[in-house]
mmCIF file of all heavy atoms, coordinates in Angstrom:
data_MODEL
# 
_entry.id   MODEL 
# 
loop_
_atom_site.group_PDB 
_atom_site.id 
_atom_site.type_symbol 
_atom_site.label_atom_id 
_atom_site.label_alt_id 
_atom_site.label_comp_id 
_atom_site.label_asym_id 
_atom_site.label_entity_id 
_atom_site.label_seq_id 
_atom_site.pdbx_PDB_ins_code 
_atom_site.Cartn_x 
_atom_site.Cartn_y 
_atom_site.Cartn_z 
_atom_site.occupancy 
_atom_site.B_iso_or_equiv 
_atom_site.pdbx_formal_charge 
_atom_site.auth_seq_id 
_atom_site.auth_comp_id 
_atom_site.auth_asym_id 
_atom_site.auth_atom_id 
_atom_site.pdbx_PDB_model_num 
ATOM 1   N N   . LEU A 1 1  ? -14.017 -2.937 10.256  1.00 0.00 ? 1  LEU A N   1 
ATOM 2   C CA  . LEU A 1 1  ? -13.451 -3.883 9.290   1.00 0.00 ? 1  LEU A CA  1 
ATOM 3   C C   . LEU A 1 1  ? -12.755 -3.143 8.155   1.00 0.00 ? 1  LEU A C   1 
ATOM 4   O O   . LEU A 1 1  ? -11.647 -3.492 7.749   1.00 0.00 ? 1  LEU A O   1 
ATOM 5   C CB  . LEU A 1 1  ? -14.570 -4.781 8.736   1.00 0.00 ? 1  LEU A CB  1 
ATOM 6   C CG  . LEU A 1 1  ? -14.154 -5.870 7.768   1.00 0.00 ? 1  LEU A CG  1 
ATOM 7   C CD1 . LEU A 1 1  ? -13.291 -6.888 8.491   1.00 0.00 ? 1  LEU A CD1 1 
ATOM 8   C CD2 . LEU A 1 1  ? -15.367 -6.537 7.179   1.00 0.00 ? 1  LEU A CD2 1 
ATOM 9   N N   . PHE A 1 2  ? -13.383 -2.086 7.670   1.00 0.00 ? 2  PHE A N   1 
ATOM 10  C CA  . PHE A 1 2  ? -12.826 -1.311 6.569   1.00 0.00 ? 2  PHE A CA  1 
ATOM 11  C C   . PHE A 1 2  ? -11.593 -0.526 7.015   1.00 0.00 ? 2  PHE A C   1 
ATOM 12  O O   . PHE A 1 2  ? -10.545 -0.579 6.380   1.00 0.00 ? 2  PHE A O   1 
ATOM 13  C CB  . PHE A 1 2  ? -13.888 -0.356 6.013   1.00 0.00 ? 2  PHE A CB  1 
ATOM 14  C CG  . PHE A 1 2  ? -13.427 0.440  4.838   1.00 0.00 ? 2  PHE A CG  1 
ATOM 15  C CD1 . PHE A 1 2  ? -13.297 -0.149 3.594   1.00 0.00 ? 2  PHE A CD1 1 
ATOM 16  C CD2 . PHE A 1 2  ? -13.102 1.778  4.978   1.00 0.00 ? 2  PHE A CD2 1 
ATOM 17  C CE1 . PHE A 1 2  ? -12.867 0.577  2.506   1.00 0.00 ? 2  PHE A CE1 1 
ATOM 18  C CE2 . PHE A 1 2  ? -12.664 2.511  3.889   1.00 0.00 ? 2  PHE A CE2 1 
ATOM 19  C CZ  . PHE A 1 2  ? -12.550 1.915  2.653   1.00 0.00 ? 2  PHE A CZ  1 
ATOM 20  N N   . ALA A 1 3  ? -11.713 0.217  8.120   1.00 0.00 ? 3  ALA A N   1 
ATOM 21  C CA  . ALA A 1 3  ? -10.633 1.103  8.568   1.00 0.00 ? 3  ALA A CA  1 
ATOM 22  C C   . ALA A 1 3  ? -9.490  0.349  9.232   1.00 0.00 ? 3  ALA A C   1 
ATOM 23  O O   . ALA A 1 3  ? -8.346  0.777  9.176   1.00 0.00 ? 3  ALA A O   1 
ATOM 24  C CB  . ALA A 1 3  ? -11.189 2.150  9.533   1.00 0.00 ? 3  ALA A CB  1 
ATOM 25  N N   . GLY A 1 4  ? -9.766  -0.770 9.837   1.00 0.00 ? 4  GLY A N   1 
ATOM 26  C CA  . GLY A 1 4  ? -8.733  -1.472 10.590  1.00 0.00 ? 4  GLY A CA  1 
ATOM 27  C C   . GLY A 1 4  ? -8.008  -2.558 9.833   1.00 0.00 ? 4  GLY A C   1 
ATOM 28  O O   . GLY A 1 4  ? -6.889  -2.925 10.188  1.00 0.00 ? 4  GLY A O   1 
ATOM 29  N N   . ILE A 1 5  ? -8.649  -3.084 8.801   1.00 0.00 ? 5  ILE A N   1 
ATOM 30  C CA  . ILE A 1 5  ? -8.028  -4.198 8.084   1.00 0.00 ? 5  ILE A CA  1 
ATOM 31  C C   . ILE A 1 5  ? -7.803  -3.864 6.620   1.00 0.00 ? 5  ILE A C   1 
ATOM 32  O O   . ILE A 1 5  ? -6.688  -3.972 6.105   1.00 0.00 ? 5  ILE A O   1 
ATOM 33  C CB  . ILE A 1 5  ? -8.895  -5.479 8.217   1.00 0.00 ? 5  ILE A CB  1 
ATOM 34  C CG1 . ILE A 1 5  ? -8.976  -5.886 9.685   1.00 0.00 ? 5  ILE A CG1 1 
ATOM 35  C CG2 . ILE A 1 5  ? -8.332  -6.601 7.373   1.00 0.00 ? 5  ILE A CG2 1 
ATOM 36  C CD1 . ILE A 1 5  ? -9.956  -7.001 9.960   1.00 0.00 ? 5  ILE A CD1 1 
ATOM 37  N N   . PHE A 1 6  ? -8.841  -3.433 5.943   1.00 0.00 ? 6  PHE A N   1 
ATOM 38  C CA  . PHE A 1 6  ? -8.766  -3.236 4.503   1.00 0.00 ? 6  PHE A CA  1 
ATOM 39  C C   . PHE A 1 6  ? -7.882  -2.048 4.127   1.00 0.00 ? 6  PHE A C   1 
ATOM 40  O O   . PHE A 1 6  ? -6.989  -2.166 3.278   1.00 0.00 ? 6  PHE A O   1 
ATOM 41  C CB  . PHE A 1 6  ? -10.182 -3.054 3.927   1.00 0.00 ? 6  PHE A CB  1 
ATOM 42  C CG  . PHE A 1 6  ? -10.213 -2.845 2.454   1.00 0.00 ? 6  PHE A CG  1 
ATOM 43  C CD1 . PHE A 1 6  ? -9.922  -3.891 1.592   1.00 0.00 ? 6  PHE A CD1 1 
ATOM 44  C CD2 . PHE A 1 6  ? -10.517 -1.610 1.915   1.00 0.00 ? 6  PHE A CD2 1 
ATOM 45  C CE1 . PHE A 1 6  ? -9.947  -3.712 0.225   1.00 0.00 ? 6  PHE A CE1 1 
ATOM 46  C CE2 . PHE A 1 6  ? -10.546 -1.418 0.550   1.00 0.00 ? 6  PHE A CE2 1 
ATOM 47  C CZ  . PHE A 1 6  ? -10.259 -2.469 -0.290  1.00 0.00 ? 6  PHE A CZ  1 
ATOM 48  N N   . MET A 1 7  ? -8.102  -0.900 4.741   1.00 0.00 ? 7  MET A N   1 
ATOM 49  C CA  . MET A 1 7  ? -7.352  0.312  4.385   1.00 0.00 ? 7  MET A CA  1 
ATOM 50  C C   . MET A 1 7  ? -5.846  0.191  4.634   1.00 0.00 ? 7  MET A C   1 
ATOM 51  O O   . MET A 1 7  ? -5.054  0.549  3.761   1.00 0.00 ? 7  MET A O   1 
ATOM 52  C CB  . MET A 1 7  ? -7.920  1.525  5.131   1.00 0.00 ? 7  MET A CB  1 
ATOM 53  C CG  . MET A 1 7  ? -9.168  2.073  4.500   1.00 0.00 ? 7  MET A CG  1 
ATOM 54  S SD  . MET A 1 7  ? -8.904  2.631  2.820   1.00 0.00 ? 7  MET A SD  1 
ATOM 55  C CE  . MET A 1 7  ? -7.998  4.114  3.109   1.00 0.00 ? 7  MET A CE  1 
ATOM 56  N N   . PRO A 1 8  ? -5.399  -0.296 5.785   1.00 0.00 ? 8  PRO A N   1 
ATOM 57  C CA  . PRO A 1 8  ? -3.938  -0.413 5.971   1.00 0.00 ? 8  PRO A CA  1 
ATOM 58  C C   . PRO A 1 8  ? -3.270  -1.338 4.952   1.00 0.00 ? 8  PRO A C   1 
ATOM 59  O O   . PRO A 1 8  ? -2.173  -1.054 4.484   1.00 0.00 ? 8  PRO A O   1 
ATOM 60  C CB  . PRO A 1 8  ? -3.797  -0.988 7.385   1.00 0.00 ? 8  PRO A CB  1 
ATOM 61  C CG  . PRO A 1 8  ? -5.046  -0.623 8.069   1.00 0.00 ? 8  PRO A CG  1 
ATOM 62  C CD  . PRO A 1 8  ? -6.112  -0.612 7.032   1.00 0.00 ? 8  PRO A CD  1 
ATOM 63  N N   . MET A 1 9  ? -3.955  -2.418 4.578   1.00 0.00 ? 9  MET A N   1 
ATOM 64  C CA  . MET A 1 9  ? -3.362  -3.330 3.595   1.00 0.00 ? 9  MET A CA  1 
ATOM 65  C C   . MET A 1 9  ? -3.279  -2.678 2.221   1.00 0.00 ? 9  MET A C   1 
ATOM 66  O O   . MET A 1 9  ? -2.279  -2.824 1.521   1.00 0.00 ? 9  MET A O   1 
ATOM 67  C CB  . MET A 1 9  ? -4.182  -4.632 3.518   1.00 0.00 ? 9  MET A CB  1 
ATOM 68  C CG  . MET A 1 9  ? -4.081  -5.476 4.767   1.00 0.00 ? 9  MET A CG  1 
ATOM 69  S SD  . MET A 1 9  ? -2.388  -5.890 5.216   1.00 0.00 ? 9  MET A SD  1 
ATOM 70  C CE  . MET A 1 9  ? -1.889  -6.855 3.829   1.00 0.00 ? 9  MET A CE  1 
ATOM 71  N N   . VAL A 1 10 ? -4.317  -1.940 1.836   1.00 0.00 ? 10 VAL A N   1 
ATOM 72  C CA  . VAL A 1 10 ? -4.297  -1.261 0.544   1.00 0.00 ? 10 VAL A CA  1 
ATOM 73  C C   . VAL A 1 10 ? -3.207  -0.196 0.525   1.00 0.00 ? 10 VAL A C   1 
ATOM 74  O O   . VAL A 1 10 ? -2.452  -0.061 -0.454  1.00 0.00 ? 10 VAL A O   1 
ATOM 75  C CB  . VAL A 1 10 ? -5.678  -0.646 0.231   1.00 0.00 ? 10 VAL A CB  1 
ATOM 76  C CG1 . VAL A 1 10 ? -5.608  0.294  -0.952  1.00 0.00 ? 10 VAL A CG1 1 
ATOM 77  C CG2 . VAL A 1 10 ? -6.691  -1.747 -0.020  1.00 0.00 ? 10 VAL A CG2 1 
ATOM 78  N N   . LEU A 1 11 ? -3.090  0.560  1.612   1.00 0.00 ? 11 LEU A N   1 
ATOM 79  C CA  . LEU A 1 11 ? -2.059  1.596  1.678   1.00 0.00 ? 11 LEU A CA  1 
ATOM 80  C C   . LEU A 1 11 ? -0.654  0.995  1.644   1.00 0.00 ? 11 LEU A C   1 
ATOM 81  O O   . LEU A 1 11 ? 0.244   1.542  1.001   1.00 0.00 ? 11 LEU A O   1 
ATOM 82  C CB  . LEU A 1 11 ? -2.240  2.454  2.929   1.00 0.00 ? 11 LEU A CB  1 
ATOM 83  C CG  . LEU A 1 11 ? -3.489  3.333  2.926   1.00 0.00 ? 11 LEU A CG  1 
ATOM 84  C CD1 . LEU A 1 11 ? -3.646  4.030  4.279   1.00 0.00 ? 11 LEU A CD1 1 
ATOM 85  C CD2 . LEU A 1 11 ? -3.436  4.345  1.807   1.00 0.00 ? 11 LEU A CD2 1 
ATOM 86  N N   . LEU A 1 12 ? -0.477  -0.120 2.300   1.00 0.00 ? 12 LEU A N   1 
ATOM 87  C CA  . LEU A 1 12 ? 0.822   -0.788 2.272   1.00 0.00 ? 12 LEU A CA  1 
ATOM 88  C C   . LEU A 1 12 ? 1.168   -1.257 0.867   1.00 0.00 ? 12 LEU A C   1 
ATOM 89  O O   . LEU A 1 12 ? 2.300   -1.080 0.397   1.00 0.00 ? 12 LEU A O   1 
ATOM 90  C CB  . LEU A 1 12 ? 0.826   -1.970 3.244   1.00 0.00 ? 12 LEU A CB  1 
ATOM 91  C CG  . LEU A 1 12 ? 2.108   -2.784 3.307   1.00 0.00 ? 12 LEU A CG  1 
ATOM 92  C CD1 . LEU A 1 12 ? 3.251   -1.925 3.850   1.00 0.00 ? 12 LEU A CD1 1 
ATOM 93  C CD2 . LEU A 1 12 ? 1.925   -4.014 4.155   1.00 0.00 ? 12 LEU A CD2 1 
ATOM 94  N N   . LEU A 1 13 ? 0.203   -1.840 0.165   1.00 0.00 ? 13 LEU A N   1 
ATOM 95  C CA  . LEU A 1 13 ? 0.454   -2.296 -1.201  1.00 0.00 ? 13 LEU A CA  1 
ATOM 96  C C   . LEU A 1 13 ? 0.732   -1.133 -2.141  1.00 0.00 ? 13 LEU A C   1 
ATOM 97  O O   . LEU A 1 13 ? 1.600   -1.219 -3.018  1.00 0.00 ? 13 LEU A O   1 
ATOM 98  C CB  . LEU A 1 13 ? -0.725  -3.118 -1.704  1.00 0.00 ? 13 LEU A CB  1 
ATOM 99  C CG  . LEU A 1 13 ? -0.919  -4.474 -1.024  1.00 0.00 ? 13 LEU A CG  1 
ATOM 100 C CD1 . LEU A 1 13 ? -2.208  -5.125 -1.485  1.00 0.00 ? 13 LEU A CD1 1 
ATOM 101 C CD2 . LEU A 1 13 ? 0.258   -5.380 -1.283  1.00 0.00 ? 13 LEU A CD2 1 
ATOM 102 N N   . LEU A 1 14 ? 0.027   -0.023 -1.955  1.00 0.00 ? 14 LEU A N   1 
ATOM 103 C CA  . LEU A 1 14 ? 0.293   1.161  -2.774  1.00 0.00 ? 14 LEU A CA  1 
ATOM 104 C C   . LEU A 1 14 ? 1.679   1.733  -2.501  1.00 0.00 ? 14 LEU A C   1 
ATOM 105 O O   . LEU A 1 14 ? 2.374   2.171  -3.420  1.00 0.00 ? 14 LEU A O   1 
ATOM 106 C CB  . LEU A 1 14 ? -0.773  2.229  -2.519  1.00 0.00 ? 14 LEU A CB  1 
ATOM 107 C CG  . LEU A 1 14 ? -2.154  1.945  -3.104  1.00 0.00 ? 14 LEU A CG  1 
ATOM 108 C CD1 . LEU A 1 14 ? -3.145  2.998  -2.643  1.00 0.00 ? 14 LEU A CD1 1 
ATOM 109 C CD2 . LEU A 1 14 ? -2.090  1.887  -4.611  1.00 0.00 ? 14 LEU A CD2 1 
ATOM 110 N N   . LEU A 1 15 ? 2.086   1.717  -1.255  1.00 0.00 ? 15 LEU A N   1 
ATOM 111 C CA  . LEU A 1 15 ? 3.419   2.206  -0.895  1.00 0.00 ? 15 LEU A CA  1 
ATOM 112 C C   . LEU A 1 15 ? 4.503   1.331  -1.509  1.00 0.00 ? 15 LEU A C   1 
ATOM 113 O O   . LEU A 1 15 ? 5.504   1.830  -2.035  1.00 0.00 ? 15 LEU A O   1 
ATOM 114 C CB  . LEU A 1 15 ? 3.552   2.240  0.630   1.00 0.00 ? 15 LEU A CB  1 
ATOM 115 C CG  . LEU A 1 15 ? 4.756   2.938  1.203   1.00 0.00 ? 15 LEU A CG  1 
ATOM 116 C CD1 . LEU A 1 15 ? 4.700   4.428  0.869   1.00 0.00 ? 15 LEU A CD1 1 
ATOM 117 C CD2 . LEU A 1 15 ? 4.799   2.754  2.701   1.00 0.00 ? 15 LEU A CD2 1 
ATOM 118 N N   . ILE A 1 16 ? 4.313   0.037  -1.480  1.00 0.00 ? 16 ILE A N   1 
ATOM 119 C CA  . ILE A 1 16 ? 5.280   -0.880 -2.093  1.00 0.00 ? 16 ILE A CA  1 
ATOM 120 C C   . ILE A 1 16 ? 5.360   -0.642 -3.597  1.00 0.00 ? 16 ILE A C   1 
ATOM 121 O O   . ILE A 1 16 ? 6.454   -0.600 -4.179  1.00 0.00 ? 16 ILE A O   1 
ATOM 122 C CB  . ILE A 1 16 ? 4.903   -2.345 -1.781  1.00 0.00 ? 16 ILE A CB  1 
ATOM 123 C CG1 . ILE A 1 16 ? 5.137   -2.635 -0.299  1.00 0.00 ? 16 ILE A CG1 1 
ATOM 124 C CG2 . ILE A 1 16 ? 5.695   -3.313 -2.647  1.00 0.00 ? 16 ILE A CG2 1 
ATOM 125 C CD1 . ILE A 1 16 ? 4.581   -3.960 0.159   1.00 0.00 ? 16 ILE A CD1 1 
ATOM 126 N N   . ALA A 1 17 ? 4.212   -0.467 -4.247  1.00 0.00 ? 17 ALA A N   1 
ATOM 127 C CA  . ALA A 1 17 ? 4.195   -0.214 -5.689  1.00 0.00 ? 17 ALA A CA  1 
ATOM 128 C C   . ALA A 1 17 ? 4.884   1.110  -6.028  1.00 0.00 ? 17 ALA A C   1 
ATOM 129 O O   . ALA A 1 17 ? 5.630   1.202  -7.005  1.00 0.00 ? 17 ALA A O   1 
ATOM 130 C CB  . ALA A 1 17 ? 2.755   -0.210 -6.202  1.00 0.00 ? 17 ALA A CB  1 
ATOM 131 N N   . TYR A 1 18 ? 4.655   2.141  -5.209  1.00 0.00 ? 18 TYR A N   1 
ATOM 132 C CA  . TYR A 1 18 ? 5.276   3.446  -5.438  1.00 0.00 ? 18 TYR A CA  1 
ATOM 133 C C   . TYR A 1 18 ? 6.795   3.350  -5.357  1.00 0.00 ? 18 TYR A C   1 
ATOM 134 O O   . TYR A 1 18 ? 7.512   3.849  -6.227  1.00 0.00 ? 18 TYR A O   1 
ATOM 135 C CB  . TYR A 1 18 ? 4.750   4.454  -4.414  1.00 0.00 ? 18 TYR A CB  1 
ATOM 136 C CG  . TYR A 1 18 ? 5.455   5.771  -4.444  1.00 0.00 ? 18 TYR A CG  1 
ATOM 137 C CD1 . TYR A 1 18 ? 5.181   6.701  -5.429  1.00 0.00 ? 18 TYR A CD1 1 
ATOM 138 C CD2 . TYR A 1 18 ? 6.405   6.099  -3.480  1.00 0.00 ? 18 TYR A CD2 1 
ATOM 139 C CE1 . TYR A 1 18 ? 5.835   7.921  -5.468  1.00 0.00 ? 18 TYR A CE1 1 
ATOM 140 C CE2 . TYR A 1 18 ? 7.063   7.313  -3.511  1.00 0.00 ? 18 TYR A CE2 1 
ATOM 141 C CZ  . TYR A 1 18 ? 6.772   8.221  -4.498  1.00 0.00 ? 18 TYR A CZ  1 
ATOM 142 O OH  . TYR A 1 18 ? 7.424   9.423  -4.529  1.00 0.00 ? 18 TYR A OH  1 
ATOM 143 N N   . PHE A 1 19 ? 7.313   2.708  -4.318  1.00 0.00 ? 19 PHE A N   1 
ATOM 144 C CA  . PHE A 1 19 ? 8.764   2.595  -4.171  1.00 0.00 ? 19 PHE A CA  1 
ATOM 145 C C   . PHE A 1 19 ? 9.373   1.711  -5.249  1.00 0.00 ? 19 PHE A C   1 
ATOM 146 O O   . PHE A 1 19 ? 10.508  1.924  -5.667  1.00 0.00 ? 19 PHE A O   1 
ATOM 147 C CB  . PHE A 1 19 ? 9.133   2.097  -2.775  1.00 0.00 ? 19 PHE A CB  1 
ATOM 148 C CG  . PHE A 1 19 ? 9.041   3.163  -1.730  1.00 0.00 ? 19 PHE A CG  1 
ATOM 149 C CD1 . PHE A 1 19 ? 8.238   3.008  -0.620  1.00 0.00 ? 19 PHE A CD1 1 
ATOM 150 C CD2 . PHE A 1 19 ? 9.743   4.349  -1.867  1.00 0.00 ? 19 PHE A CD2 1 
ATOM 151 C CE1 . PHE A 1 19 ? 8.145   3.992  0.342   1.00 0.00 ? 19 PHE A CE1 1 
ATOM 152 C CE2 . PHE A 1 19 ? 9.668   5.344  -0.907  1.00 0.00 ? 19 PHE A CE2 1 
ATOM 153 C CZ  . PHE A 1 19 ? 8.865   5.162  0.191   1.00 0.00 ? 19 PHE A CZ  1 
ATOM 154 N N   . ARG A 1 20 ? 8.636   0.721  -5.724  1.00 0.00 ? 20 ARG A N   1 
ATOM 155 C CA  . ARG A 1 20 ? 9.136   -0.114 -6.818  1.00 0.00 ? 20 ARG A CA  1 
ATOM 156 C C   . ARG A 1 20 ? 9.290   0.713  -8.091  1.00 0.00 ? 20 ARG A C   1 
ATOM 157 O O   . ARG A 1 20 ? 10.295  0.606  -8.800  1.00 0.00 ? 20 ARG A O   1 
ATOM 158 C CB  . ARG A 1 20 ? 8.183   -1.275 -7.052  1.00 0.00 ? 20 ARG A CB  1 
ATOM 159 C CG  . ARG A 1 20 ? 8.643   -2.227 -8.115  1.00 0.00 ? 20 ARG A CG  1 
ATOM 160 C CD  . ARG A 1 20 ? 7.688   -3.410 -8.232  1.00 0.00 ? 20 ARG A CD  1 
ATOM 161 N NE  . ARG A 1 20 ? 8.117   -4.288 -9.285  1.00 0.00 ? 20 ARG A NE  1 
ATOM 162 C CZ  . ARG A 1 20 ? 7.715   -4.203 -10.558 1.00 0.00 ? 20 ARG A CZ  1 
ATOM 163 N NH1 . ARG A 1 20 ? 6.877   -3.256 -10.905 1.00 0.00 ? 20 ARG A NH1 1 
ATOM 164 N NH2 . ARG A 1 20 ? 8.145   -5.031 -11.455 1.00 0.00 ? 20 ARG A NH2 1 
ATOM 165 N N   . ILE A 1 21 ? 8.306   1.557  -8.378  1.00 0.00 ? 21 ILE A N   1 
ATOM 166 C CA  . ILE A 1 21 ? 8.379   2.418  -9.563  1.00 0.00 ? 21 ILE A CA  1 
ATOM 167 C C   . ILE A 1 21 ? 9.544   3.399  -9.443  1.00 0.00 ? 21 ILE A C   1 
ATOM 168 O O   . ILE A 1 21 ? 10.296  3.610  -10.395 1.00 0.00 ? 21 ILE A O   1 
ATOM 169 C CB  . ILE A 1 21 ? 7.039   3.160  -9.752  1.00 0.00 ? 21 ILE A CB  1 
ATOM 170 C CG1 . ILE A 1 21 ? 5.959   2.165  -10.178 1.00 0.00 ? 21 ILE A CG1 1 
ATOM 171 C CG2 . ILE A 1 21 ? 7.169   4.278  -10.780 1.00 0.00 ? 21 ILE A CG2 1 
ATOM 172 C CD1 . ILE A 1 21 ? 4.555   2.730  -10.146 1.00 0.00 ? 21 ILE A CD1 1 
ATOM 173 N N   . LYS A 1 22 ? 9.721   3.993  -8.264  1.00 0.00 ? 22 LYS A N   1 
ATOM 174 C CA  . LYS A 1 22 ? 10.828  4.931  -8.060  1.00 0.00 ? 22 LYS A CA  1 
ATOM 175 C C   . LYS A 1 22 ? 12.174  4.230  -8.215  1.00 0.00 ? 22 LYS A C   1 
ATOM 176 O O   . LYS A 1 22 ? 13.121  4.783  -8.771  1.00 0.00 ? 22 LYS A O   1 
ATOM 177 C CB  . LYS A 1 22 ? 10.732  5.589  -6.680  1.00 0.00 ? 22 LYS A CB  1 
ATOM 178 C CG  . LYS A 1 22 ? 9.634   6.603  -6.582  1.00 0.00 ? 22 LYS A CG  1 
ATOM 179 C CD  . LYS A 1 22 ? 9.937   7.755  -7.511  1.00 0.00 ? 22 LYS A CD  1 
ATOM 180 C CE  . LYS A 1 22 ? 8.857   8.777  -7.501  1.00 0.00 ? 22 LYS A CE  1 
ATOM 181 N NZ  . LYS A 1 22 ? 9.071   9.839  -8.470  1.00 0.00 ? 22 LYS A NZ  1 
ATOM 182 N N   . LEU A 1 23 ? 12.290  3.011  -7.723  1.00 0.00 ? 23 LEU A N   1 
ATOM 183 C CA  . LEU A 1 23 ? 13.534  2.267  -7.841  1.00 0.00 ? 23 LEU A CA  1 
ATOM 184 C C   . LEU A 1 23 ? 13.852  1.960  -9.296  1.00 0.00 ? 23 LEU A C   1 
ATOM 185 O O   . LEU A 1 23 ? 15.010  2.062  -9.728  1.00 0.00 ? 23 LEU A O   1 
ATOM 186 C CB  . LEU A 1 23 ? 13.455  0.975  -7.036  1.00 0.00 ? 23 LEU A CB  1 
ATOM 187 C CG  . LEU A 1 23 ? 14.699  0.102  -7.017  1.00 0.00 ? 23 LEU A CG  1 
ATOM 188 C CD1 . LEU A 1 23 ? 15.852  0.855  -6.376  1.00 0.00 ? 23 LEU A CD1 1 
ATOM 189 C CD2 . LEU A 1 23 ? 14.435  -1.178 -6.287  1.00 0.00 ? 23 LEU A CD2 1 
ATOM 190 N N   . LEU A 1 24 ? 12.851  1.611  -10.076 1.00 0.00 ? 24 LEU A N   1 
ATOM 191 C CA  . LEU A 1 24 ? 13.065  1.358  -11.506 1.00 0.00 ? 24 LEU A CA  1 
ATOM 192 C C   . LEU A 1 24 ? 13.507  2.628  -12.219 1.00 0.00 ? 24 LEU A C   1 
ATOM 193 O O   . LEU A 1 24 ? 14.375  2.584  -13.098 1.00 0.00 ? 24 LEU A O   1 
ATOM 194 C CB  . LEU A 1 24 ? 11.795  0.807  -12.141 1.00 0.00 ? 24 LEU A CB  1 
ATOM 195 C CG  . LEU A 1 24 ? 11.408  -0.619 -11.729 1.00 0.00 ? 24 LEU A CG  1 
ATOM 196 C CD1 . LEU A 1 24 ? 10.054  -0.985 -12.313 1.00 0.00 ? 24 LEU A CD1 1 
ATOM 197 C CD2 . LEU A 1 24 ? 12.469  -1.600 -12.157 1.00 0.00 ? 24 LEU A CD2 1 
# 
């Protein structure tokens, strides 16, 4: 549950936040 669902979603959200900051 942790490795298959929770971690990929958290990593995806962190990646989106990182690219948003770089774009700004």
